[in-house]
Amino acid sequence: LSQGRGKICAKLGEEAMETAVAALDETPGHVARESADLLYHLLVLWAETGVAPAQVWEELARRDGVSGHEEKASRET
């Protein structure tokens, strides 16, 4: 947090890429470890931006049963 939002976002992107690469040809354990890193840095970003996990769960619940195209079309611009 002390290094700012830019560093947090960079680290989140790095961990997302490492998770995706691990998913291509690593063991489930390796994917789990990379996923834990990714989730940790996502939680740090949420803390930095004032997003509570409950807000994310509510948004996911709102999307339940809605196609990705429908959800995207329903977003406010």
Protein backbone atom coordinates (compact mmCIF):
# COMPACT_ATOMS: atom_id res chain seq x y z
CA LEU A 1 0.00 0.00 0.00
CA SER A 2 2.82 2.39 0.81
CA GLN A 3 4.14 2.28 -2.77
CA GLY A 4 0.87 3.50 -4.25
CA ARG A 5 -1.87 2.36 -6.54
CA GLY A 6 0.39 2.11 -9.60
CA LYS A 7 2.66 -0.43 -7.90
CA ILE A 8 -0.36 -2.35 -6.62
CA CYS A 9 -1.82 -2.54 -10.13
CA ALA A 10 1.52 -3.61 -11.60
CA LYS A 11 1.85 -6.37 -9.03
CA LEU A 12 -1.72 -7.52 -9.64
CA GLY A 13 -1.02 -7.75 -13.37
CA GLU A 14 2.19 -9.66 -12.75
CA GLU A 15 0.43 -12.17 -10.52
CA ALA A 16 -2.44 -12.57 -13.01
CA MET A 17 0.05 -13.41 -15.76
CA GLU A 18 1.93 -15.85 -13.53
CA THR A 19 -1.35 -17.58 -12.67
CA ALA A 20 -2.35 -17.85 -16.32
CA VAL A 21 1.07 -19.21 -17.33
CA ALA A 22 1.00 -21.74 -14.49
CA ALA A 23 -2.44 -22.90 -15.63
CA LEU A 24 -1.03 -23.80 -19.03
CA ASP A 25 1.40 -26.49 -17.91
CA GLU A 26 2.03 -26.55 -14.17
CA THR A 27 0.64 -28.72 -11.41
CA PRO A 28 -2.61 -27.88 -9.60
CA GLY A 29 -0.52 -27.05 -6.54
CA HIS A 30 1.49 -24.49 -8.47
CA VAL A 31 -1.70 -22.96 -9.89
CA ALA A 32 -3.11 -22.78 -6.35
CA ARG A 33 -0.01 -21.00 -5.07
CA GLU A 34 -0.06 -18.48 -7.90
CA SER A 35 -3.81 -18.01 -7.41
CA ALA A 36 -3.24 -17.25 -3.73
CA ASP A 37 -0.73 -14.55 -4.72
CA LEU A 38 -3.22 -13.12 -7.22
CA LEU A 39 -6.06 -13.04 -4.69
CA TYR A 40 -3.83 -11.41 -2.09
CA HIS A 41 -2.89 -8.59 -4.42
CA LEU A 42 -6.52 -8.18 -5.51
CA LEU A 43 -7.47 -7.77 -1.84
CA VAL A 44 -4.72 -5.16 -1.46
CA LEU A 45 -6.15 -3.28 -4.46
CA TRP A 46 -9.65 -3.46 -2.98
CA ALA A 47 -8.34 -2.02 0.29
CA GLU A 48 -6.59 0.79 -1.59
CA THR A 49 -9.72 1.66 -3.59
CA GLY A 50 -12.22 1.28 -0.75
CA VAL A 51 -13.96 -1.78 -2.18
CA ALA A 52 -15.36 -4.19 0.40
CA PRO A 53 -15.44 -7.88 -0.50
CA ALA A 54 -19.21 -7.84 0.17
CA GLN A 55 -19.62 -5.39 -2.71
CA VAL A 56 -17.96 -7.85 -5.08
CA TRP A 57 -20.07 -10.77 -3.83
CA GLU A 58 -23.22 -8.65 -4.28
CA GLU A 59 -22.20 -7.83 -7.85
CA LEU A 60 -21.58 -11.49 -8.62
CA ALA A 61 -24.97 -12.40 -7.16
CA ARG A 62 -26.62 -9.72 -9.30
CA ARG A 63 -25.08 -11.31 -12.39
CA ASP A 64 -26.24 -14.84 -11.55
CA GLY A 65 -28.04 -16.29 -14.56
CA VAL A 66 -27.18 -13.33 -16.80
CA SER A 67 -25.07 -13.87 -19.89
CA GLY A 68 -21.84 -11.94 -20.24
CA HIS A 69 -23.22 -10.02 -23.21
CA GLU A 70 -26.38 -9.05 -21.33
CA GLU A 71 -24.38 -8.00 -18.27
CA LYS A 72 -22.03 -5.85 -20.32
CA ALA A 73 -24.95 -4.18 -22.15
CA SER A 74 -26.62 -3.36 -18.81
CA ARG A 75 -23.67 -1.43 -17.40
CA GLU A 76 -23.98 2.28 -16.87
CA THR A 77 -21.75 4.35 -19.12
